[in-house]
Amino acid sequence: MLLLVLLFAAALGAPAQEVLVYPELQRPSIHGDIIAADRGGRRREVISPGVARNGYASFFVVAKLPAPGPY
């Protein structure tokens, strides 16, 4: 129980970061936005991509922080 309370207290003090998932054909810049060459059309959400059994799918995962620092 004490461990659970300590973990909860540590999570309260941690700053929140935004985690974004982009498809492999939209490359993120160093600031987490899609580069101009890959922008186009409407923005889509990647919720449940269709992937063949025993296949693979690639994504870009971007963590945007409120201030520079480790995440």
PDB file of N, CA and C in Angstrom:
ATOM      1  N   MET A   1       0.822  -1.187   0.000  1.00  0.00           N
ATOM      2  CA  MET A   1       0.000   0.000   0.000  1.00  0.00           C
ATOM      3  C   MET A   1       0.866   1.252   0.000  1.00  0.00           C
ATOM      4  N   LEU A   2       1.939   1.200   0.753  1.00  0.00           N
ATOM      5  CA  LEU A   2       2.848   2.347   0.811  1.00  0.00           C
ATOM      6  C   LEU A   2       3.479   2.609  -0.549  1.00  0.00           C
ATOM      7  N   LEU A   3       3.819   1.535  -1.252  1.00  0.00           N
ATOM      8  CA  LEU A   3       4.399   1.683  -2.589  1.00  0.00           C
ATOM      9  C   LEU A   3       3.402   2.337  -3.542  1.00  0.00           C
ATOM     10  N   LEU A   4       2.147   1.950  -3.449  1.00  0.00           N
ATOM     11  CA  LEU A   4       1.109   2.543  -4.290  1.00  0.00           C
ATOM     12  C   LEU A   4       0.948   4.034  -3.998  1.00  0.00           C
ATOM     13  N   VAL A   5       0.986   4.414  -2.751  1.00  0.00           N
ATOM     14  CA  VAL A   5       0.872   5.827  -2.372  1.00  0.00           C
ATOM     15  C   VAL A   5       2.073   6.609  -2.886  1.00  0.00           C
ATOM     16  N   LEU A   6       3.262   6.047  -2.793  1.00  0.00           N
ATOM     17  CA  LEU A   6       4.462   6.727  -3.289  1.00  0.00           C
ATOM     18  C   LEU A   6       4.437   6.892  -4.802  1.00  0.00           C
ATOM     19  N   LEU A   7       3.974   5.872  -5.522  1.00  0.00           N
ATOM     20  CA  LEU A   7       3.863   5.985  -6.972  1.00  0.00           C
ATOM     21  C   LEU A   7       2.846   7.042  -7.373  1.00  0.00           C
ATOM     22  N   PHE A   8       1.734   7.110  -6.663  1.00  0.00           N
ATOM     23  CA  PHE A   8       0.713   8.111  -6.953  1.00  0.00           C
ATOM     24  C   PHE A   8       1.248   9.517  -6.672  1.00  0.00           C
ATOM     25  N   ALA A   9       1.979   9.684  -5.594  1.00  0.00           N
ATOM     26  CA  ALA A   9       2.554  10.989  -5.262  1.00  0.00           C
ATOM     27  C   ALA A   9       3.592  11.416  -6.296  1.00  0.00           C
ATOM     28  N   ALA A  10       4.364  10.468  -6.811  1.00  0.00           N
ATOM     29  CA  ALA A  10       5.363  10.789  -7.839  1.00  0.00           C
ATOM     30  C   ALA A  10       4.687  11.183  -9.139  1.00  0.00           C
ATOM     31  N   ALA A  11       3.569  10.553  -9.456  1.00  0.00           N
ATOM     32  CA  ALA A  11       2.853  10.874 -10.697  1.00  0.00           C
ATOM     33  C   ALA A  11       2.219  12.255 -10.631  1.00  0.00           C
ATOM     34  N   LEU A  12       1.826  12.716  -9.465  1.00  0.00           N
ATOM     35  CA  LEU A  12       1.233  14.049  -9.331  1.00  0.00           C
ATOM     36  C   LEU A  12       2.246  15.146  -9.618  1.00  0.00           C
ATOM     37  N   GLY A  13       3.488  14.928  -9.246  1.00  0.00           N
ATOM     38  CA  GLY A  13       4.515  15.942  -9.446  1.00  0.00           C
ATOM     39  C   GLY A  13       5.129  15.936 -10.829  1.00  0.00           C
ATOM     40  N   ALA A  14       4.867  14.905 -11.609  1.00  0.00           N
ATOM     41  CA  ALA A  14       5.471  14.793 -12.941  1.00  0.00           C
ATOM     42  C   ALA A  14       4.714  15.672 -13.932  1.00  0.00           C
ATOM     43  N   PRO A  15       5.434  16.413 -14.774  1.00  0.00           N
ATOM     44  CA  PRO A  15       4.745  17.216 -15.785  1.00  0.00           C
ATOM     45  C   PRO A  15       4.162  16.310 -16.869  1.00  0.00           C
ATOM     46  N   ALA A  16       3.031  16.702 -17.397  1.00  0.00           N
ATOM     47  CA  ALA A  16       2.375  15.890 -18.432  1.00  0.00           C
ATOM     48  C   ALA A  16       3.002  16.166 -19.784  1.00  0.00           C
ATOM     49  N   GLN A  17       3.138  15.135 -20.568  1.00  0.00           N
ATOM     50  CA  GLN A  17       3.600  15.294 -21.939  1.00  0.00           C
ATOM     51  C   GLN A  17       2.521  14.770 -22.873  1.00  0.00           C
ATOM     52  N   GLU A  18       2.524  15.296 -24.076  1.00  0.00           N
ATOM     53  CA  GLU A  18       1.566  14.876 -25.088  1.00  0.00           C
ATOM     54  C   GLU A  18       2.246  13.835 -25.969  1.00  0.00           C
ATOM     55  N   VAL A  19       1.625  12.695 -26.143  1.00  0.00           N
ATOM     56  CA  VAL A  19       2.188  11.631 -26.967  1.00  0.00           C
ATOM     57  C   VAL A  19       1.358  11.548 -28.243  1.00  0.00           C
ATOM     58  N   LEU A  20       2.018  11.722 -29.395  1.00  0.00           N
ATOM     59  CA  LEU A  20       1.356  11.692 -30.690  1.00  0.00           C
ATOM     60  C   LEU A  20       1.894  10.526 -31.501  1.00  0.00           C
ATOM     61  N   VAL A  21       1.022   9.876 -32.270  1.00  0.00           N
ATOM     62  CA  VAL A  21       1.412   8.768 -33.135  1.00  0.00           C
ATOM     63  C   VAL A  21       1.089   9.165 -34.565  1.00  0.00           C
ATOM     64  N   TYR A  22       2.102   9.152 -35.437  1.00  0.00           N
ATOM     65  CA  TYR A  22       1.929   9.510 -36.835  1.00  0.00           C
ATOM     66  C   TYR A  22       2.195   8.291 -37.715  1.00  0.00           C
ATOM     67  N   PRO A  23       1.492   8.185 -38.856  1.00  0.00           N
ATOM     68  CA  PRO A  23       1.792   7.092 -39.785  1.00  0.00           C
ATOM     69  C   PRO A  23       3.189   7.257 -40.389  1.00  0.00           C
ATOM     70  N   GLU A  24       3.699   6.195 -40.965  1.00  0.00           N
ATOM     71  CA  GLU A  24       5.077   6.201 -41.456  1.00  0.00           C
ATOM     72  C   GLU A  24       5.314   7.173 -42.601  1.00  0.00           C
ATOM     73  N   LEU A  25       4.280   7.594 -43.309  1.00  0.00           N
ATOM     74  CA  LEU A  25       4.459   8.482 -44.449  1.00  0.00           C
ATOM     75  C   LEU A  25       4.387   9.964 -44.081  1.00  0.00           C
ATOM     76  N   GLN A  26       4.163  10.275 -42.822  1.00  0.00           N
ATOM     77  CA  GLN A  26       4.162  11.654 -42.363  1.00  0.00           C
ATOM     78  C   GLN A  26       5.310  11.809 -41.372  1.00  0.00           C
ATOM     79  N   ARG A  27       6.371  12.466 -41.819  1.00  0.00           N
ATOM     80  CA  ARG A  27       7.569  12.595 -40.998  1.00  0.00           C
ATOM     81  C   ARG A  27       7.466  13.790 -40.053  1.00  0.00           C
ATOM     82  N   PRO A  28       7.716  13.586 -38.756  1.00  0.00           N
ATOM     83  CA  PRO A  28       7.688  14.704 -37.817  1.00  0.00           C
ATOM     84  C   PRO A  28       9.002  15.484 -37.843  1.00  0.00           C
ATOM     85  N   SER A  29       8.904  16.787 -37.566  1.00  0.00           N
ATOM     86  CA  SER A  29      10.105  17.622 -37.449  1.00  0.00           C
ATOM     87  C   SER A  29      10.661  17.475 -36.033  1.00  0.00           C
ATOM     88  N   ILE A  30      11.726  18.188 -35.732  1.00  0.00           N
ATOM     89  CA  ILE A  30      12.317  18.096 -34.397  1.00  0.00           C
ATOM     90  C   ILE A  30      11.426  18.731 -33.340  1.00  0.00           C
ATOM     91  N   HIS A  31      10.427  19.515 -33.771  1.00  0.00           N
ATOM     92  CA  HIS A  31       9.501  20.140 -32.832  1.00  0.00           C
ATOM     93  C   HIS A  31       8.219  19.335 -32.676  1.00  0.00           C
ATOM     94  N   GLY A  32       8.082  18.218 -33.392  1.00  0.00           N
ATOM     95  CA  GLY A  32       6.933  17.341 -33.253  1.00  0.00           C
ATOM     96  C   GLY A  32       5.822  17.585 -34.251  1.00  0.00           C
ATOM     97  N   ASP A  33       5.971  18.573 -35.122  1.00  0.00           N
ATOM     98  CA  ASP A  33       4.962  18.842 -36.144  1.00  0.00           C
ATOM     99  C   ASP A  33       5.343  18.119 -37.429  1.00  0.00           C
ATOM    100  N   ILE A  34       4.372  17.889 -38.302  1.00  0.00           N
ATOM    101  CA  ILE A  34       4.643  17.254 -39.590  1.00  0.00           C
ATOM    102  C   ILE A  34       5.365  18.253 -40.487  1.00  0.00           C
ATOM    103  N   ILE A  35       6.413  17.805 -41.184  1.00  0.00           N
ATOM    104  CA  ILE A  35       7.160  18.710 -42.059  1.00  0.00           C
ATOM    105  C   ILE A  35       6.280  19.129 -43.237  1.00  0.00           C
ATOM    106  N   ALA A  36       6.593  20.275 -43.811  1.00  0.00           N
ATOM    107  CA  ALA A  36       5.753  20.875 -44.850  1.00  0.00           C
ATOM    108  C   ALA A  36       5.583  19.961 -46.064  1.00  0.00           C
ATOM    109  N   ALA A  37       6.614  19.220 -46.439  1.00  0.00           N
ATOM    110  CA  ALA A  37       6.534  18.353 -47.617  1.00  0.00           C
ATOM    111  C   ALA A  37       5.534  17.214 -47.432  1.00  0.00           C
ATOM    112  N   ASP A  38       5.266  16.815 -46.210  1.00  0.00           N
ATOM    113  CA  ASP A  38       4.364  15.691 -45.945  1.00  0.00           C
ATOM    114  C   ASP A  38       2.970  16.126 -45.521  1.00  0.00           C
ATOM    115  N   ARG A  39       2.737  17.419 -45.378  1.00  0.00           N
ATOM    116  CA  ARG A  39       1.400  17.906 -45.025  1.00  0.00           C
ATOM    117  C   ARG A  39       0.512  17.870 -46.254  1.00  0.00           C
ATOM    118  N   GLY A  40      -0.701  17.550 -46.073  1.00  0.00           N
ATOM    119  CA  GLY A  40      -1.639  17.529 -47.188  1.00  0.00           C
ATOM    120  C   GLY A  40      -2.868  16.740 -46.814  1.00  0.00           C
ATOM    121  N   GLY A  41      -3.979  17.151 -47.333  1.00  0.00           N
ATOM    122  CA  GLY A  41      -5.212  16.459 -47.003  1.00  0.00           C
ATOM    123  C   GLY A  41      -5.625  16.761 -45.581  1.00  0.00           C
ATOM    124  N   ARG A  42      -6.546  15.978 -45.101  1.00  0.00           N
ATOM    125  CA  ARG A  42      -7.018  16.199 -43.738  1.00  0.00           C
ATOM    126  C   ARG A  42      -6.216  15.349 -42.755  1.00  0.00           C
ATOM    127  N   ARG A  43      -6.202  15.764 -41.518  1.00  0.00           N
ATOM    128  CA  ARG A  43      -5.477  15.038 -40.481  1.00  0.00           C
ATOM    129  C   ARG A  43      -6.313  13.829 -40.059  1.00  0.00           C
ATOM    130  N   ARG A  44      -5.686  12.660 -40.015  1.00  0.00           N
ATOM    131  CA  ARG A  44      -6.393  11.433 -39.663  1.00  0.00           C
ATOM    132  C   ARG A  44      -5.859  10.882 -38.352  1.00  0.00           C
ATOM    133  N   GLU A  45      -6.708  10.156 -37.660  1.00  0.00           N
ATOM    134  CA  GLU A  45      -6.294   9.498 -36.429  1.00  0.00           C
ATOM    135  C   GLU A  45      -5.911   8.061 -36.740  1.00  0.00           C
ATOM    136  N   VAL A  46      -4.821   7.606 -36.136  1.00  0.00           N
ATOM    137  CA  VAL A  46      -4.394   6.218 -36.299  1.00  0.00           C
ATOM    138  C   VAL A  46      -4.921   5.461 -35.090  1.00  0.00           C
ATOM    139  N   ILE A  47      -6.068   4.816 -35.258  1.00  0.00           N
ATOM    140  CA  ILE A  47      -6.685   4.112 -34.137  1.00  0.00           C
ATOM    141  C   ILE A  47      -6.445   2.607 -34.252  1.00  0.00           C
ATOM    142  N   SER A  48      -6.869   2.031 -35.349  1.00  0.00           N
ATOM    143  CA  SER A  48      -6.738   0.594 -35.528  1.00  0.00           C
ATOM    144  C   SER A  48      -6.341   0.321 -36.979  1.00  0.00           C
ATOM    145  N   PRO A  49      -5.055   0.360 -37.267  1.00  0.00           N
ATOM    146  CA  PRO A  49      -4.636   0.138 -38.655  1.00  0.00           C
ATOM    147  C   PRO A  49      -4.816  -1.320 -39.064  1.00  0.00           C
ATOM    148  N   GLY A  50      -5.133  -1.528 -40.326  1.00  0.00           N
ATOM    149  CA  GLY A  50      -5.263  -2.886 -40.829  1.00  0.00           C
ATOM    150  C   GLY A  50      -3.888  -3.451 -41.146  1.00  0.00           C
ATOM    151  N   VAL A  51      -3.476  -4.436 -40.394  1.00  0.00           N
ATOM    152  CA  VAL A  51      -2.168  -5.065 -40.572  1.00  0.00           C
ATOM    153  C   VAL A  51      -2.387  -6.553 -40.750  1.00  0.00           C
ATOM    154  N   ALA A  52      -1.723  -7.128 -41.726  1.00  0.00           N
ATOM    155  CA  ALA A  52      -1.846  -8.564 -41.971  1.00  0.00           C
ATOM    156  C   ALA A  52      -1.286  -9.361 -40.796  1.00  0.00           C
ATOM    157  N   ARG A  53      -1.799 -10.550 -40.631  1.00  0.00           N
ATOM    158  CA  ARG A  53      -1.303 -11.414 -39.559  1.00  0.00           C
ATOM    159  C   ARG A  53       0.182 -11.681 -39.778  1.00  0.00           C
ATOM    160  N   ASN A  54       0.946 -11.633 -38.721  1.00  0.00           N
ATOM    161  CA  ASN A  54       2.402 -11.793 -38.738  1.00  0.00           C
ATOM    162  C   ASN A  54       3.079 -10.717 -39.594  1.00  0.00           C
ATOM    163  N   GLY A  55       2.391  -9.627 -39.836  1.00  0.00           N
ATOM    164  CA  GLY A  55       2.963  -8.499 -40.564  1.00  0.00           C
ATOM    165  C   GLY A  55       3.486  -7.460 -39.577  1.00  0.00           C
ATOM    166  N   TYR A  56       3.849  -6.316 -40.094  1.00  0.00           N
ATOM    167  CA  TYR A  56       4.318  -5.249 -39.225  1.00  0.00           C
ATOM    168  C   TYR A  56       3.792  -3.919 -39.740  1.00  0.00           C
ATOM    169  N   ALA A  57       3.752  -2.971 -38.855  1.00  0.00           N
ATOM    170  CA  ALA A  57       3.349  -1.606 -39.204  1.00  0.00           C
ATOM    171  C   ALA A  57       4.331  -0.662 -38.528  1.00  0.00           C
ATOM    172  N   SER A  58       4.723   0.383 -39.214  1.00  0.00           N
ATOM    173  CA  SER A  58       5.644   1.340 -38.616  1.00  0.00           C
ATOM    174  C   SER A  58       4.934   2.672 -38.382  1.00  0.00           C
ATOM    175  N   PHE A  59       5.316   3.298 -37.284  1.00  0.00           N
ATOM    176  CA  PHE A  59       4.751   4.572 -36.887  1.00  0.00           C
ATOM    177  C   PHE A  59       5.864   5.443 -36.329  1.00  0.00           C
ATOM    178  N   PHE A  60       5.605   6.730 -36.290  1.00  0.00           N
ATOM    179  CA  PHE A  60       6.455   7.666 -35.571  1.00  0.00           C
ATOM    180  C   PHE A  60       5.734   8.013 -34.281  1.00  0.00           C
ATOM    181  N   VAL A  61       6.402   7.877 -33.150  1.00  0.00           N
ATOM    182  CA  VAL A  61       5.838   8.250 -31.858  1.00  0.00           C
ATOM    183  C   VAL A  61       6.585   9.486 -31.387  1.00  0.00           C
ATOM    184  N   VAL A  62       5.834  10.566 -31.125  1.00  0.00           N
ATOM    185  CA  VAL A  62       6.418  11.845 -30.737  1.00  0.00           C
ATOM    186  C   VAL A  62       5.923  12.190 -29.345  1.00  0.00           C
ATOM    187  N   ALA A  63       6.829  12.549 -28.449  1.00  0.00           N
ATOM    188  CA  ALA A  63       6.468  13.026 -27.112  1.00  0.00           C
ATOM    189  C   ALA A  63       6.738  14.522 -27.069  1.00  0.00           C
ATOM    190  N   LYS A  64       5.680  15.316 -26.954  1.00  0.00           N
ATOM    191  CA  LYS A  64       5.814  16.771 -26.860  1.00  0.00           C
ATOM    192  C   LYS A  64       5.808  17.158 -25.390  1.00  0.00           C
ATOM    193  N   LEU A  65       6.829  17.862 -24.965  1.00  0.00           N
ATOM    194  CA  LEU A  65       6.960  18.274 -23.570  1.00  0.00           C
ATOM    195  C   LEU A  65       6.573  19.735 -23.416  1.00  0.00           C
ATOM    196  N   PRO A  66       6.033  20.129 -22.252  1.00  0.00           N
ATOM    197  CA  PRO A  66       5.693  21.522 -22.039  1.00  0.00           C
ATOM    198  C   PRO A  66       6.944  22.416 -21.967  1.00  0.00           C
ATOM    199  N   ALA A  67       8.043  21.860 -21.506  1.00  0.00           N
ATOM    200  CA  ALA A  67       9.318  22.588 -21.433  1.00  0.00           C
ATOM    201  C   ALA A  67      10.429  21.632 -21.828  1.00  0.00           C
ATOM    202  N   PRO A  68      11.536  22.124 -22.380  1.00  0.00           N
ATOM    203  CA  PRO A  68      12.636  21.228 -22.755  1.00  0.00           C
ATOM    204  C   PRO A  68      13.162  20.454 -21.538  1.00  0.00           C
ATOM    205  N   GLY A  69      13.516  19.204 -21.779  1.00  0.00           N
ATOM    206  CA  GLY A  69      14.060  18.381 -20.705  1.00  0.00           C
ATOM    207  C   GLY A  69      13.815  16.915 -20.981  1.00  0.00           C
ATOM    208  N   PRO A  70      14.217  16.050 -20.061  1.00  0.00           N
ATOM    209  CA  PRO A  70      14.010  14.611 -20.254  1.00  0.00           C
ATOM    210  C   PRO A  70      12.541  14.254 -20.090  1.00  0.00           C
ATOM    211  N   TYR A  71      12.146  13.161 -20.706  1.00  0.00           N
ATOM    212  CA  TYR A  71      10.752  12.714 -20.564  1.00  0.00           C
ATOM    213  C   TYR A  71      10.702  11.355 -19.943  1.00  0.00           C
TER     214      TYR A  71
END
